Amino acid sequence: MANNLPPRERPGAAAIVAALLLPPLGIFLVRGLGLPFWIGVGLTCLGIIPGIVFALLTIFRAPPVETRPKKVTA
């Protein structure tokens, strides 16, 4: 799943383990304290499985467009 991301953008093992044990923590380690974190908290309160699924999707999702490196064209 993470093979399509450049090496420096792949999530660490700690973030993946945290996403499985405490989903909002895994999101926080990769994305910080933003909207995805709070959505993860809400989904985890509804049930651990929705929280885990959302956390893994959020962790492995490509970074937002603003933070992607810009391609240089000649």
C-alpha atoms as a PDB file:
ATOM      1  CA  MET A   1       0.000   0.000   0.000  1.00  0.00           C
ATOM      2  CA  ALA A   2       2.847   2.423   0.792  1.00  0.00           C
ATOM      3  CA  ASN A   3       4.962   1.411  -2.205  1.00  0.00           C
ATOM      4  CA  ASN A   4       3.637   4.277  -4.317  1.00  0.00           C
ATOM      5  CA  LEU A   5       5.055   6.889  -1.911  1.00  0.00           C
ATOM      6  CA  PRO A   6       8.631   8.147  -2.126  1.00  0.00           C
ATOM      7  CA  PRO A   7      10.860   6.735   0.673  1.00  0.00           C
ATOM      8  CA  ARG A   8      10.893   9.938   2.736  1.00  0.00           C
ATOM      9  CA  GLU A   9       7.088  10.105   2.757  1.00  0.00           C
ATOM     10  CA  ARG A  10       6.432   6.538   3.902  1.00  0.00           C
ATOM     11  CA  PRO A  11       5.004   6.301   7.410  1.00  0.00           C
ATOM     12  CA  GLY A  12       7.230   4.833  10.085  1.00  0.00           C
ATOM     13  CA  ALA A  13       6.608   1.574  11.883  1.00  0.00           C
ATOM     14  CA  ALA A  14       5.752   3.478  15.077  1.00  0.00           C
ATOM     15  CA  ALA A  15       2.915   5.315  13.320  1.00  0.00           C
ATOM     16  CA  ILE A  16       1.498   2.075  11.910  1.00  0.00           C
ATOM     17  CA  VAL A  17       1.630   0.287  15.280  1.00  0.00           C
ATOM     18  CA  ALA A  18       0.115   3.334  16.984  1.00  0.00           C
ATOM     19  CA  ALA A  19      -2.683   3.393  14.385  1.00  0.00           C
ATOM     20  CA  LEU A  20      -3.523  -0.216  15.221  1.00  0.00           C
ATOM     21  CA  LEU A  21      -3.426   0.259  19.009  1.00  0.00           C
ATOM     22  CA  LEU A  22      -4.635   3.855  19.403  1.00  0.00           C
ATOM     23  CA  PRO A  23      -5.771   5.222  16.020  1.00  0.00           C
ATOM     24  CA  PRO A  24      -5.718   8.974  16.802  1.00  0.00           C
ATOM     25  CA  LEU A  25      -2.099   8.697  17.969  1.00  0.00           C
ATOM     26  CA  GLY A  26      -1.052   7.173  14.656  1.00  0.00           C
ATOM     27  CA  ILE A  27      -2.754  10.006  12.785  1.00  0.00           C
ATOM     28  CA  PHE A  28      -1.111  12.583  15.052  1.00  0.00           C
ATOM     29  CA  LEU A  29       2.363  11.159  14.440  1.00  0.00           C
ATOM     30  CA  VAL A  30       2.005  11.535  10.668  1.00  0.00           C
ATOM     31  CA  ARG A  31      -0.442  14.400  10.083  1.00  0.00           C
ATOM     32  CA  GLY A  32      -0.343  16.416  13.302  1.00  0.00           C
ATOM     33  CA  LEU A  33      -3.218  17.905  15.271  1.00  0.00           C
ATOM     34  CA  GLY A  34      -5.577  18.766  12.420  1.00  0.00           C
ATOM     35  CA  LEU A  35      -9.011  17.787  11.199  1.00  0.00           C
ATOM     36  CA  PRO A  36      -8.038  14.155  10.398  1.00  0.00           C
ATOM     37  CA  PHE A  37      -6.936  13.730  14.027  1.00  0.00           C
ATOM     38  CA  TRP A  38     -10.314  14.864  15.360  1.00  0.00           C
ATOM     39  CA  ILE A  39     -12.210  12.742  12.838  1.00  0.00           C
ATOM     40  CA  GLY A  40     -10.107   9.803  14.030  1.00  0.00           C
ATOM     41  CA  VAL A  41     -11.004  10.579  17.660  1.00  0.00           C
ATOM     42  CA  GLY A  42     -14.703  10.632  16.783  1.00  0.00           C
ATOM     43  CA  LEU A  43     -14.568   7.399  14.813  1.00  0.00           C
ATOM     44  CA  THR A  44     -12.579   5.693  17.563  1.00  0.00           C
ATOM     45  CA  CYS A  45     -15.253   6.728  20.074  1.00  0.00           C
ATOM     46  CA  LEU A  46     -17.853   5.097  17.816  1.00  0.00           C
ATOM     47  CA  GLY A  47     -15.793   1.915  17.577  1.00  0.00           C
ATOM     48  CA  ILE A  48     -12.190   0.823  17.374  1.00  0.00           C
ATOM     49  CA  ILE A  49     -12.524  -0.746  13.904  1.00  0.00           C
ATOM     50  CA  PRO A  50     -13.735   2.451  12.146  1.00  0.00           C
ATOM     51  CA  GLY A  51     -10.961   4.352  13.915  1.00  0.00           C
ATOM     52  CA  ILE A  52      -8.297   1.882  12.790  1.00  0.00           C
ATOM     53  CA  VAL A  53      -9.527   1.849   9.187  1.00  0.00           C
ATOM     54  CA  PHE A  54      -9.609   5.655   9.032  1.00  0.00           C
ATOM     55  CA  ALA A  55      -6.188   5.946  10.676  1.00  0.00           C
ATOM     56  CA  LEU A  56      -4.553   3.547   8.224  1.00  0.00           C
ATOM     57  CA  LEU A  57      -6.191   5.260   5.251  1.00  0.00           C
ATOM     58  CA  THR A  58      -5.067   8.646   6.541  1.00  0.00           C
ATOM     59  CA  ILE A  59      -1.509   7.494   7.207  1.00  0.00           C
ATOM     60  CA  PHE A  60      -1.019   5.877   3.791  1.00  0.00           C
ATOM     61  CA  ARG A  61      -2.806   8.598   1.826  1.00  0.00           C
ATOM     62  CA  ALA A  62      -0.599  10.869  -0.284  1.00  0.00           C
ATOM     63  CA  PRO A  63       0.216  14.227   1.325  1.00  0.00           C
ATOM     64  CA  PRO A  64      -1.956  17.246   0.505  1.00  0.00           C
ATOM     65  CA  VAL A  65      -1.219  18.995  -2.775  1.00  0.00           C
ATOM     66  CA  GLU A  66       0.356  22.044  -1.062  1.00  0.00           C
ATOM     67  CA  THR A  67       3.050  19.936   0.615  1.00  0.00           C
ATOM     68  CA  ARG A  68       4.022  17.836  -2.402  1.00  0.00           C
ATOM     69  CA  PRO A  69       7.319  18.817  -3.998  1.00  0.00           C
ATOM     70  CA  LYS A  70       6.840  20.850  -7.153  1.00  0.00           C
ATOM     71  CA  LYS A  71       8.024  19.360 -10.433  1.00  0.00           C
ATOM     72  CA  VAL A  72      10.560  21.458 -12.285  1.00  0.00           C
ATOM     73  CA  THR A  73       9.883  21.685 -15.997  1.00  0.00           C
ATOM     74  CA  ALA A  74      12.474  22.825 -18.501  1.00  0.00           C
END
